[in-house]
Amino acid sequence: MDTDSKPDLHYPENAKLLLKEETHQILGCAFEVLNEVGHGLHEKIYENAMVVEFKLRGIPCDQQKRYPVLFKGVLVGEYVPDLIAYDLVIVDAKTIDRITDHERGKMINYLRKSKLRIGLILNLKHARLEWERIVV
């Protein structure tokens, strides 16, 4: 599931994560949104607030970008992620009890459909931000 190189536990400064700085910036935006807006509101509020914060910080993003879903070469629908930051990272804002294998599995599928490698699941239901970074 996670194809980032294994971290060197003896020398953590040598750990190399794919798009480390970009995901760090996105998480900074999520913390700012949660602190400013508060927790437990509808997901769309957080998605829209993230777009505002991205713009304020100069982070390029697409909201509700559409990706085709093909079955045996035939278009059967489309996948529409919440946000794509830096044209590289899917950002999925959630208000759920906790992040589970269900959300992780969906993100892996989203990444495959979009041909992107990094996804961030952000759970803004509680006062403390819960997040997971998914790499394929």
C-alpha atoms as a PDB file:
ATOM      1  CA  MET A   1       0.000   0.000   0.000  1.00  0.00           C
ATOM      2  CA  ASP A   2       2.660   2.534   0.974  1.00  0.00           C
ATOM      3  CA  THR A   3       5.534   2.638  -1.489  1.00  0.00           C
ATOM      4  CA  ASP A   4       7.526   5.349   0.261  1.00  0.00           C
ATOM      5  CA  SER A   5      10.988   4.108   1.143  1.00  0.00           C
ATOM      6  CA  LYS A   6      11.273   2.667   4.620  1.00  0.00           C
ATOM      7  CA  PRO A   7      12.380   5.304   7.121  1.00  0.00           C
ATOM      8  CA  ASP A   8      15.799   4.994   8.699  1.00  0.00           C
ATOM      9  CA  LEU A   9      14.853   4.800  12.373  1.00  0.00           C
ATOM     10  CA  HIS A  10      18.425   5.469  13.462  1.00  0.00           C
ATOM     11  CA  TYR A  11      18.628   8.638  11.333  1.00  0.00           C
ATOM     12  CA  PRO A  12      15.061   9.922  10.797  1.00  0.00           C
ATOM     13  CA  GLU A  13      16.372  13.041   9.039  1.00  0.00           C
ATOM     14  CA  ASN A  14      17.368  10.735   6.155  1.00  0.00           C
ATOM     15  CA  ALA A  15      13.786   9.535   5.605  1.00  0.00           C
ATOM     16  CA  LYS A  16      12.505  10.482   2.173  1.00  0.00           C
ATOM     17  CA  LEU A  17       8.769  10.810   1.686  1.00  0.00           C
ATOM     18  CA  LEU A  18       7.186  11.397  -1.670  1.00  0.00           C
ATOM     19  CA  LEU A  19       5.830  14.985  -1.832  1.00  0.00           C
ATOM     20  CA  LYS A  20       6.754  15.572   1.816  1.00  0.00           C
ATOM     21  CA  GLU A  21       6.718  19.386   1.635  1.00  0.00           C
ATOM     22  CA  GLU A  22       3.451  19.498  -0.318  1.00  0.00           C
ATOM     23  CA  THR A  23       1.642  17.208   2.122  1.00  0.00           C
ATOM     24  CA  HIS A  24       3.074  19.212   5.022  1.00  0.00           C
ATOM     25  CA  GLN A  25       1.624  22.411   3.513  1.00  0.00           C
ATOM     26  CA  ILE A  26      -1.773  20.751   2.967  1.00  0.00           C
ATOM     27  CA  LEU A  27      -1.857  19.544   6.569  1.00  0.00           C
ATOM     28  CA  GLY A  28      -1.004  23.056   7.740  1.00  0.00           C
ATOM     29  CA  CYS A  29      -4.075  24.278   5.867  1.00  0.00           C
ATOM     30  CA  ALA A  30      -6.223  21.573   7.474  1.00  0.00           C
ATOM     31  CA  PHE A  31      -5.056  22.569  10.963  1.00  0.00           C
ATOM     32  CA  GLU A  32      -5.814  26.220  10.189  1.00  0.00           C
ATOM     33  CA  VAL A  33      -9.286  25.381   8.871  1.00  0.00           C
ATOM     34  CA  LEU A  34     -10.120  23.197  11.874  1.00  0.00           C
ATOM     35  CA  ASN A  35      -8.880  25.848  14.319  1.00  0.00           C
ATOM     36  CA  GLU A  36     -10.783  28.642  12.588  1.00  0.00           C
ATOM     37  CA  VAL A  37     -14.050  26.912  11.600  1.00  0.00           C
ATOM     38  CA  GLY A  38     -14.326  24.434  14.447  1.00  0.00           C
ATOM     39  CA  HIS A  39     -15.122  20.733  14.294  1.00  0.00           C
ATOM     40  CA  GLY A  40     -18.143  18.591  13.463  1.00  0.00           C
ATOM     41  CA  LEU A  41     -19.728  20.553  10.608  1.00  0.00           C
ATOM     42  CA  HIS A  42     -20.633  19.195   7.160  1.00  0.00           C
ATOM     43  CA  GLU A  43     -17.804  17.962   4.932  1.00  0.00           C
ATOM     44  CA  LYS A  44     -18.579  20.492   2.192  1.00  0.00           C
ATOM     45  CA  ILE A  45     -17.870  23.372   4.600  1.00  0.00           C
ATOM     46  CA  TYR A  46     -14.369  22.018   5.236  1.00  0.00           C
ATOM     47  CA  GLU A  47     -13.785  21.356   1.558  1.00  0.00           C
ATOM     48  CA  ASN A  48     -14.729  24.941   0.692  1.00  0.00           C
ATOM     49  CA  ALA A  49     -12.665  26.330   3.573  1.00  0.00           C
ATOM     50  CA  MET A  50      -9.659  24.318   2.395  1.00  0.00           C
ATOM     51  CA  VAL A  51     -10.013  25.893  -1.059  1.00  0.00           C
ATOM     52  CA  VAL A  52      -9.960  29.363   0.529  1.00  0.00           C
ATOM     53  CA  GLU A  53      -6.900  28.511   2.637  1.00  0.00           C
ATOM     54  CA  PHE A  54      -5.114  26.982  -0.363  1.00  0.00           C
ATOM     55  CA  LYS A  55      -5.687  30.177  -2.333  1.00  0.00           C
ATOM     56  CA  LEU A  56      -4.450  32.347   0.538  1.00  0.00           C
ATOM     57  CA  ARG A  57      -1.251  30.274   0.702  1.00  0.00           C
ATOM     58  CA  GLY A  58      -0.770  30.105  -3.055  1.00  0.00           C
ATOM     59  CA  ILE A  59      -1.361  26.361  -3.254  1.00  0.00           C
ATOM     60  CA  PRO A  60      -2.811  25.367  -6.627  1.00  0.00           C
ATOM     61  CA  CYS A  61      -5.938  23.229  -6.332  1.00  0.00           C
ATOM     62  CA  ASP A  62      -8.872  21.872  -8.274  1.00  0.00           C
ATOM     63  CA  GLN A  63     -12.220  21.327  -6.613  1.00  0.00           C
ATOM     64  CA  GLN A  64     -14.495  18.543  -7.885  1.00  0.00           C
ATOM     65  CA  LYS A  65     -12.240  17.599 -10.828  1.00  0.00           C
ATOM     66  CA  ARG A  66     -13.767  14.759 -12.850  1.00  0.00           C
ATOM     67  CA  TYR A  67     -12.022  11.504 -13.770  1.00  0.00           C
ATOM     68  CA  PRO A  68     -13.564   8.917 -16.104  1.00  0.00           C
ATOM     69  CA  VAL A  69     -14.211   5.401 -14.838  1.00  0.00           C
ATOM     70  CA  LEU A  70     -13.874   2.807 -17.564  1.00  0.00           C
ATOM     71  CA  PHE A  71     -14.962  -0.806 -17.620  1.00  0.00           C
ATOM     72  CA  LYS A  72     -13.392  -2.829 -20.429  1.00  0.00           C
ATOM     73  CA  GLY A  73     -12.749   0.388 -22.289  1.00  0.00           C
ATOM     74  CA  VAL A  74     -16.302   1.702 -21.914  1.00  0.00           C
ATOM     75  CA  LEU A  75     -17.116   4.805 -19.878  1.00  0.00           C
ATOM     76  CA  VAL A  76     -19.381   3.699 -17.021  1.00  0.00           C
ATOM     77  CA  GLY A  77     -19.196   6.772 -14.808  1.00  0.00           C
ATOM     78  CA  GLU A  78     -16.848   9.237 -13.265  1.00  0.00           C
ATOM     79  CA  TYR A  79     -15.004   9.747 -10.031  1.00  0.00           C
ATOM     80  CA  VAL A  80     -15.082  13.245  -8.542  1.00  0.00           C
ATOM     81  CA  PRO A  81     -12.588  13.799  -5.686  1.00  0.00           C
ATOM     82  CA  ASP A  82     -13.092  16.670  -3.241  1.00  0.00           C
ATOM     83  CA  LEU A  83      -9.791  18.398  -3.929  1.00  0.00           C
ATOM     84  CA  ILE A  84      -6.604  17.907  -5.914  1.00  0.00           C
ATOM     85  CA  ALA A  85      -3.734  20.004  -4.525  1.00  0.00           C
ATOM     86  CA  TYR A  86      -0.605  20.778  -6.538  1.00  0.00           C
ATOM     87  CA  ASP A  87      -2.091  18.604  -9.339  1.00  0.00           C
ATOM     88  CA  LEU A  88      -0.521  15.736  -7.361  1.00  0.00           C
ATOM     89  CA  VAL A  89      -2.376  15.044  -4.093  1.00  0.00           C
ATOM     90  CA  ILE A  90      -5.984  13.966  -3.563  1.00  0.00           C
ATOM     91  CA  VAL A  91      -7.381  15.639  -0.441  1.00  0.00           C
ATOM     92  CA  ASP A  92     -10.511  14.026   1.005  1.00  0.00           C
ATOM     93  CA  ALA A  93     -12.230  15.969   3.797  1.00  0.00           C
ATOM     94  CA  LYS A  94     -14.331  13.768   6.085  1.00  0.00           C
ATOM     95  CA  THR A  95     -16.471  14.144   9.196  1.00  0.00           C
ATOM     96  CA  ILE A  96     -16.576  10.557  10.444  1.00  0.00           C
ATOM     97  CA  ASP A  97     -16.034   8.890  13.813  1.00  0.00           C
ATOM     98  CA  ARG A  98     -12.600   7.652  12.762  1.00  0.00           C
ATOM     99  CA  ILE A  99     -10.642   6.765   9.628  1.00  0.00           C
ATOM    100  CA  THR A 100     -11.076   3.065   8.864  1.00  0.00           C
ATOM    101  CA  ASP A 101     -10.002   0.549   6.250  1.00  0.00           C
ATOM    102  CA  HIS A 102     -13.113   1.555   4.298  1.00  0.00           C
ATOM    103  CA  GLU A 103     -11.790   5.102   3.740  1.00  0.00           C
ATOM    104  CA  ARG A 104      -8.278   3.801   3.101  1.00  0.00           C
ATOM    105  CA  GLY A 105      -9.569   1.376   0.478  1.00  0.00           C
ATOM    106  CA  LYS A 106     -11.617   4.083  -1.228  1.00  0.00           C
ATOM    107  CA  MET A 107      -8.590   6.384  -1.346  1.00  0.00           C
ATOM    108  CA  ILE A 108      -6.444   3.657  -2.895  1.00  0.00           C
ATOM    109  CA  ASN A 109      -9.104   3.184  -5.575  1.00  0.00           C
ATOM    110  CA  TYR A 110      -9.341   6.971  -6.113  1.00  0.00           C
ATOM    111  CA  LEU A 111      -5.583   7.175  -6.564  1.00  0.00           C
ATOM    112  CA  ARG A 112      -5.628   4.380  -9.104  1.00  0.00           C
ATOM    113  CA  LYS A 113      -8.471   5.986 -11.081  1.00  0.00           C
ATOM    114  CA  SER A 114      -6.781   9.387 -11.111  1.00  0.00           C
ATOM    115  CA  LYS A 115      -3.274   7.927 -11.688  1.00  0.00           C
ATOM    116  CA  LEU A 116      -1.983  10.016  -8.761  1.00  0.00           C
ATOM    117  CA  ARG A 117       0.271   8.577  -6.048  1.00  0.00           C
ATOM    118  CA  ILE A 118      -0.544  10.488  -2.848  1.00  0.00           C
ATOM    119  CA  GLY A 119      -3.823  10.925  -0.984  1.00  0.00           C
ATOM    120  CA  LEU A 120      -4.615  12.634   2.295  1.00  0.00           C
ATOM    121  CA  ILE A 121      -7.688  11.661   4.286  1.00  0.00           C
ATOM    122  CA  LEU A 122      -8.591  14.461   6.695  1.00  0.00           C
ATOM    123  CA  ASN A 123     -11.117  13.804   9.464  1.00  0.00           C
ATOM    124  CA  LEU A 124     -12.447  17.075  10.839  1.00  0.00           C
ATOM    125  CA  LYS A 125     -15.232  15.707  13.029  1.00  0.00           C
ATOM    126  CA  HIS A 126     -13.356  16.101  16.306  1.00  0.00           C
ATOM    127  CA  ALA A 127     -11.447  18.965  17.915  1.00  0.00           C
ATOM    128  CA  ARG A 128      -8.175  17.209  17.079  1.00  0.00           C
ATOM    129  CA  LEU A 129      -7.405  16.658  13.395  1.00  0.00           C
ATOM    130  CA  GLU A 130      -7.106  13.008  12.410  1.00  0.00           C
ATOM    131  CA  TRP A 131      -5.324  12.392   9.117  1.00  0.00           C
ATOM    132  CA  GLU A 132      -3.748   9.640   7.098  1.00  0.00           C
ATOM    133  CA  ARG A 133      -1.395   9.778   4.141  1.00  0.00           C
ATOM    134  CA  ILE A 134      -1.960   7.066   1.541  1.00  0.00           C
ATOM    135  CA  VAL A 135       0.656   6.238  -1.103  1.00  0.00           C
ATOM    136  CA  VAL A 136       0.265   3.854  -4.047  1.00  0.00           C
END
